[in-house]
Amino acid sequence: MLAGLGNPEHSLAQDIIVCINDTRIEARVLAVKATAISYQHWTGPDSSITIISTDYVRYIRYHNGTQQNFASVVPKRLSVLKERKPVNLGRNVVGIRPVDLLSINATLTYEHLFGSRRRVGLKVPLTLKLVHARAENYYSWVVYQSSSWGYYQSNKFFGTGLELNFYTGPPARFRYFFGPALQYGRFRYRSGEQYMGEADFFGLNLGKVYRYEDAVGEHVALLLNNGVRYQVGKRCVFTGEGGIGWQTKVLDKDHKNLDTEELAGSDFKIAVNLGFGYQF
């Protein structure tokens, strides 16, 4: 690569890429490797990054007047100029998590990407219950779920949080990311109170009586997430992520009794999410 590429002024000036079929591309050259050239079209600093094979380039004339020539290896189909699909450099991504629909929840997410290379993202999820339902008794539910995690997911009616994502490598259609995530949610649970029944006509007690009520608990978790992000088409993105960490459930102090002992407290948490988004 010529020395002119390392000049800070290079990003502010125009380069000309001349292809072997005499196509002229007004561009800002970002990197020149042995077999590929990365550049942005001359439409502004946030235009998409395109990668073209050096087999299709005759020379590059840089803004400072220098010229870099390439070996004249003529491809079989001279009329076809192959370029890799452009990378979306939009800073905003809105998305959904369709798996949450299995728990009758709707989750929307918003992520803002920072920096010229989009290496840091700040994401905020918001979960709302679609249909209000009476909370299940924990011990009857545990037969099917075998853990309080499934109980929380099924009875959650509000959730939010904050996720800080660090993306590795330069902007690309496929990227890996990792970072911390804070979760907060509220869920309904069913508590039962046990007391002695009233005496009958003969003064004998009728035995124990149970009274059940719905109450609201809080859920807080801190996780370390990691996942992958793939750009589908020009604007759509797919994300798959998983995290491990610690969670705490706090129950209403006036409704912490029968059927709730195993539900409260802190324990290990594993989270998995799939998302689809639109980047702009």
Protein backbone atom coordinates (compact mmCIF):
# COMPACT_ATOMS: atom_id res chain seq x y z
CA MET A 1 0.00 0.00 0.00
CA LEU A 2 1.28 3.47 -0.76
CA ALA A 3 2.29 5.80 2.01
CA GLY A 4 -0.56 8.12 1.13
CA LEU A 5 -3.02 5.69 2.69
CA GLY A 6 -1.65 6.37 6.14
CA ASN A 7 -2.15 10.12 5.86
CA PRO A 8 -4.98 11.41 8.12
CA GLU A 9 -6.05 13.73 5.31
CA HIS A 10 -6.72 10.71 3.11
CA SER A 11 -10.14 10.13 4.66
CA LEU A 12 -11.19 13.62 3.60
CA ALA A 13 -10.15 13.44 -0.08
CA GLN A 14 -11.34 11.58 -3.13
CA ASP A 15 -9.64 8.59 -4.78
CA ILE A 16 -10.39 7.12 -8.21
CA ILE A 17 -10.54 3.35 -8.76
CA VAL A 18 -10.22 2.42 -12.44
CA CYS A 19 -11.40 -1.09 -13.28
CA ILE A 20 -10.21 -3.27 -16.13
CA ASN A 21 -13.46 -2.62 -18.02
CA ASP A 22 -12.75 1.15 -17.74
CA THR A 23 -15.35 1.69 -15.03
CA ARG A 24 -14.32 4.62 -12.83
CA ILE A 25 -15.36 4.55 -9.17
CA GLU A 26 -15.17 7.74 -7.14
CA ALA A 27 -14.28 6.43 -3.72
CA ARG A 28 -12.51 6.75 -0.42
CA VAL A 29 -10.06 3.83 -0.28
CA LEU A 30 -9.87 2.32 3.20
CA ALA A 31 -7.50 -0.63 2.78
CA VAL A 32 -5.59 -2.41 0.02
CA LYS A 33 -4.66 -6.04 0.55
CA ALA A 34 -3.07 -8.63 -1.71
CA THR A 35 -6.35 -9.75 -3.26
CA ALA A 36 -8.98 -7.20 -2.20
CA ILE A 37 -9.63 -3.47 -1.88
CA SER A 38 -12.00 -1.99 0.71
CA TYR A 39 -13.57 1.36 -0.08
CA GLN A 40 -16.56 3.62 0.46
CA HIS A 41 -18.41 5.29 -2.38
CA TRP A 42 -17.92 9.04 -2.43
CA THR A 43 -21.32 9.83 -0.89
CA GLY A 44 -20.35 10.68 2.67
CA PRO A 45 -18.56 9.24 5.72
CA ASP A 46 -21.41 6.85 6.58
CA SER A 47 -21.75 5.18 3.18
CA SER A 48 -21.54 1.39 3.01
CA ILE A 49 -18.17 -0.37 2.82
CA THR A 50 -17.60 -2.33 -0.41
CA ILE A 51 -14.88 -4.89 -1.11
CA ILE A 52 -13.69 -5.56 -4.66
CA SER A 53 -11.14 -8.07 -5.92
CA THR A 54 -7.86 -6.64 -7.23
CA ASP A 55 -8.36 -8.87 -10.30
CA TYR A 56 -10.93 -6.34 -11.51
CA VAL A 57 -8.87 -3.22 -10.84
CA ARG A 58 -6.34 -1.69 -13.24
CA TYR A 59 -5.08 1.03 -10.93
CA ILE A 60 -5.99 3.44 -8.12
CA ARG A 61 -5.25 7.14 -8.45
CA TYR A 62 -5.10 8.63 -4.98
CA HIS A 63 -6.08 12.16 -4.01
CA ASN A 64 -2.42 13.22 -3.72
CA GLY A 65 -1.69 12.32 -7.35
CA THR A 66 0.09 9.02 -6.73
CA GLN A 67 -1.02 5.91 -8.58
CA GLN A 68 -0.99 2.25 -7.60
CA ASN A 69 -1.09 -0.25 -10.44
CA PHE A 70 -2.22 -3.86 -10.26
CA ALA A 71 -1.19 -6.90 -12.27
CA SER A 72 -3.29 -7.25 -15.39
CA VAL A 73 -4.83 -10.63 -14.63
CA VAL A 74 -7.84 -10.72 -16.92
CA PRO A 75 -10.76 -12.73 -15.50
CA LYS A 76 -12.76 -15.05 -17.71
CA ARG A 77 -15.76 -12.71 -17.85
CA LEU A 78 -14.42 -9.23 -18.41
CA SER A 79 -17.84 -7.56 -18.49
CA VAL A 80 -18.81 -8.65 -14.98
CA LEU A 81 -17.65 -6.51 -12.06
CA LYS A 82 -18.01 -8.54 -8.88
CA GLU A 83 -18.42 -6.73 -5.58
CA ARG A 84 -19.21 -8.15 -2.19
CA LYS A 85 -22.51 -7.22 -0.63
CA PRO A 86 -22.30 -3.85 1.15
CA VAL A 87 -22.20 -3.56 4.93
CA ASN A 88 -24.92 -1.52 6.60
CA LEU A 89 -23.37 1.22 8.75
CA GLY A 90 -26.61 2.55 10.21
CA ARG A 91 -26.37 3.55 13.86
CA ASN A 92 -29.85 2.45 14.98
CA VAL A 93 -31.35 -1.03 15.20
CA VAL A 94 -34.93 -1.78 16.28
CA GLY A 95 -35.92 -5.39 16.72
CA ILE A 96 -38.13 -8.07 18.24
CA ARG A 97 -37.50 -11.32 20.12
CA PRO A 98 -40.04 -13.77 18.67
CA VAL A 99 -39.24 -16.61 21.11
CA ASP A 100 -40.84 -14.58 23.93
CA LEU A 101 -44.19 -15.03 22.21
CA LEU A 102 -44.16 -18.62 23.52
CA SER A 103 -44.62 -17.12 27.00
CA ILE A 104 -47.33 -14.72 25.72
CA ASN A 105 -44.84 -11.84 26.00
CA ALA A 106 -43.89 -9.22 23.42
CA THR A 107 -40.29 -7.95 23.53
CA LEU A 108 -39.02 -4.96 21.55
CA THR A 109 -35.38 -3.86 21.52
CA TYR A 110 -33.53 -0.71 20.50
CA GLU A 111 -29.75 -0.57 20.01
CA HIS A 112 -27.59 2.44 19.19
CA LEU A 113 -24.14 1.82 17.67
CA PHE A 114 -21.24 4.14 18.47
CA GLY A 115 -18.01 4.99 16.66
CA SER A 116 -17.04 5.10 13.00
CA ARG A 117 -16.46 1.33 13.01
CA ARG A 118 -19.61 0.57 15.06
CA ARG A 119 -17.71 -1.36 17.70
CA VAL A 120 -19.87 -0.43 20.72
CA GLY A 121 -23.63 -0.88 21.01
CA LEU A 122 -26.04 0.09 23.79
CA LYS A 123 -29.27 -1.94 23.74
CA VAL A 124 -32.48 -1.48 25.74
CA PRO A 125 -35.13 -4.27 25.71
CA LEU A 126 -38.76 -3.80 26.76
CA THR A 127 -41.08 -6.74 27.53
CA LEU A 128 -44.83 -6.55 28.14
CA LYS A 129 -47.39 -9.28 28.82
CA LEU A 130 -49.87 -9.65 25.97
CA VAL A 131 -52.63 -11.34 27.97
CA HIS A 132 -53.20 -11.01 31.70
CA ALA A 133 -53.60 -14.39 33.35
CA ARG A 134 -53.89 -15.55 36.92
CA ALA A 135 -50.54 -16.58 38.41
CA GLU A 136 -49.91 -20.30 38.73
CA ASN A 137 -49.28 -22.05 42.00
CA TYR A 138 -45.51 -22.57 42.13
CA TYR A 139 -45.51 -26.17 43.31
CA SER A 140 -48.02 -27.27 40.70
CA TRP A 141 -46.03 -25.46 38.00
CA VAL A 142 -42.69 -26.90 39.11
CA VAL A 143 -43.88 -30.37 38.09
CA TYR A 144 -43.62 -29.21 34.48
CA GLN A 145 -40.76 -26.72 34.66
CA SER A 146 -38.51 -28.16 37.40
CA SER A 147 -37.09 -24.68 38.09
CA SER A 148 -38.18 -21.18 39.03
CA TRP A 149 -36.79 -19.88 35.70
CA GLY A 150 -39.76 -21.21 33.75
CA TYR A 151 -42.12 -19.84 36.36
CA TYR A 152 -40.67 -16.34 36.02
CA GLN A 153 -40.82 -16.39 32.22
CA SER A 154 -44.45 -17.50 32.21
CA ASN A 155 -45.64 -15.02 34.85
CA LYS A 156 -43.53 -11.99 33.89
CA PHE A 157 -45.66 -9.00 32.89
CA PHE A 158 -42.96 -6.32 32.60
CA GLY A 159 -39.25 -6.41 31.88
CA THR A 160 -36.47 -4.08 30.77
CA GLY A 161 -32.72 -3.73 31.15
CA LEU A 162 -29.51 -2.44 29.64
CA GLU A 163 -27.02 -4.34 27.47
CA LEU A 164 -23.55 -3.09 26.54
CA ASN A 165 -22.22 -4.89 23.45
CA PHE A 166 -18.61 -4.81 22.23
CA TYR A 167 -18.23 -5.87 18.57
CA THR A 168 -14.99 -7.41 17.35
CA GLY A 169 -13.27 -6.66 14.06
CA PRO A 170 -14.14 -4.11 11.37
CA PRO A 171 -17.69 -3.54 10.10
CA ALA A 172 -18.87 -6.71 8.36
CA ARG A 173 -22.08 -8.58 7.63
CA PHE A 174 -21.15 -11.20 10.25
CA ARG A 175 -19.82 -10.04 13.63
CA TYR A 176 -19.22 -11.47 17.10
CA PHE A 177 -20.05 -9.46 20.21
CA PHE A 178 -19.87 -9.76 23.99
CA GLY A 179 -20.60 -7.63 27.05
CA PRO A 180 -22.51 -7.24 30.33
CA ALA A 181 -26.30 -7.17 30.60
CA LEU A 182 -28.52 -5.93 33.42
CA GLN A 183 -32.10 -7.24 33.62
CA TYR A 184 -35.05 -6.04 35.67
CA GLY A 185 -38.55 -7.47 35.66
CA ARG A 186 -41.80 -7.78 37.59
CA PHE A 187 -43.84 -10.97 37.77
CA ARG A 188 -47.02 -12.26 39.35
CA TYR A 189 -47.03 -15.19 41.72
CA ARG A 190 -49.63 -16.95 43.83
CA SER A 191 -49.21 -17.07 47.58
CA GLY A 192 -51.30 -19.09 50.00
CA GLU A 193 -52.13 -18.32 53.60
CA GLN A 194 -53.05 -21.08 55.99
CA TYR A 195 -55.23 -20.54 59.05
CA MET A 196 -57.67 -22.43 61.25
CA GLY A 197 -61.29 -22.46 60.15
CA GLU A 198 -64.23 -21.28 62.20
CA ALA A 199 -65.86 -23.54 64.79
CA ASP A 200 -69.01 -25.38 63.81
CA PHE A 201 -72.33 -25.53 65.68
CA PHE A 202 -70.90 -27.93 68.26
CA GLY A 203 -67.78 -25.84 68.87
CA LEU A 204 -65.49 -28.08 66.87
CA ASN A 205 -62.94 -26.55 64.51
CA LEU A 206 -63.42 -27.50 60.89
CA GLY A 207 -59.65 -27.75 60.26
CA LYS A 208 -57.14 -25.81 58.23
CA VAL A 209 -58.33 -23.38 55.59
CA TYR A 210 -56.20 -22.01 52.73
CA ARG A 211 -56.62 -18.62 51.12
CA TYR A 212 -54.74 -17.86 47.89
CA GLU A 213 -53.91 -14.41 46.55
CA ASP A 214 -51.97 -13.04 43.58
CA ALA A 215 -48.94 -10.90 44.43
CA VAL A 216 -46.13 -9.14 42.55
CA GLY A 217 -42.43 -9.94 42.82
CA GLU A 218 -39.30 -8.34 41.37
CA HIS A 219 -36.52 -9.99 39.39
CA VAL A 220 -32.97 -8.62 38.95
CA ALA A 221 -30.15 -10.34 37.04
CA LEU A 222 -26.60 -9.51 35.95
CA LEU A 223 -25.23 -11.53 33.03
CA LEU A 224 -22.24 -11.78 30.74
CA ASN A 225 -23.59 -12.07 27.20
CA ASN A 226 -21.94 -13.16 23.99
CA GLY A 227 -23.42 -13.75 20.57
CA VAL A 228 -23.33 -13.27 16.82
CA ARG A 229 -24.95 -10.77 14.50
CA TYR A 230 -25.59 -11.32 10.79
CA GLN A 231 -26.83 -8.81 8.23
CA VAL A 232 -29.54 -10.27 5.99
CA GLY A 233 -30.14 -8.13 2.92
CA LYS A 234 -29.61 -4.38 3.10
CA ARG A 235 -31.37 -3.55 6.37
CA CYS A 236 -32.41 -6.71 8.22
CA VAL A 237 -30.20 -8.24 10.91
CA PHE A 238 -30.39 -11.50 12.84
CA THR A 239 -28.88 -11.93 16.32
CA GLY A 240 -28.37 -14.97 18.47
CA GLU A 241 -27.00 -14.56 21.97
CA GLY A 242 -26.61 -16.36 25.26
CA GLY A 243 -25.56 -15.30 28.72
CA ILE A 244 -24.68 -16.66 32.14
CA GLY A 245 -24.83 -14.86 35.46
CA TRP A 246 -26.71 -14.42 38.71
CA GLN A 247 -30.35 -13.60 39.41
CA THR A 248 -32.34 -12.54 42.48
CA LYS A 249 -36.10 -12.66 43.05
CA VAL A 250 -37.66 -10.51 45.75
CA LEU A 251 -41.22 -11.24 46.89
CA ASP A 252 -43.79 -9.03 48.56
CA LYS A 253 -43.03 -9.24 52.29
CA ASP A 254 -46.76 -9.55 53.02
CA HIS A 255 -47.13 -12.46 50.59
CA LYS A 256 -44.10 -14.59 51.33
CA ASN A 257 -45.52 -17.74 52.81
CA LEU A 258 -47.01 -21.01 51.61
CA ASP A 259 -45.88 -22.09 48.11
CA THR A 260 -43.24 -19.34 47.80
CA GLU A 261 -40.22 -20.63 49.75
CA GLU A 262 -38.40 -22.01 46.70
CA LEU A 263 -39.35 -19.11 44.43
CA ALA A 264 -37.51 -16.30 46.25
CA GLY A 265 -33.76 -15.84 46.65
CA SER A 266 -30.70 -15.87 44.39
CA ASP A 267 -29.38 -18.51 42.03
CA PHE A 268 -27.50 -19.16 38.79
CA LYS A 269 -29.12 -17.97 35.55
CA ILE A 270 -28.73 -18.92 31.89
CA ALA A 271 -30.41 -16.80 29.22
CA VAL A 272 -30.79 -17.40 25.47
CA ASN A 273 -32.27 -14.91 23.00
CA LEU A 274 -32.94 -14.80 19.26
CA GLY A 275 -33.73 -11.51 17.58
CA PHE A 276 -34.66 -9.97 14.25
CA GLY A 277 -34.06 -6.29 13.62
CA TYR A 278 -34.08 -3.42 11.14
CA GLN A 279 -30.96 -1.25 10.91
CA PHE A 280 -31.03 2.34 9.71
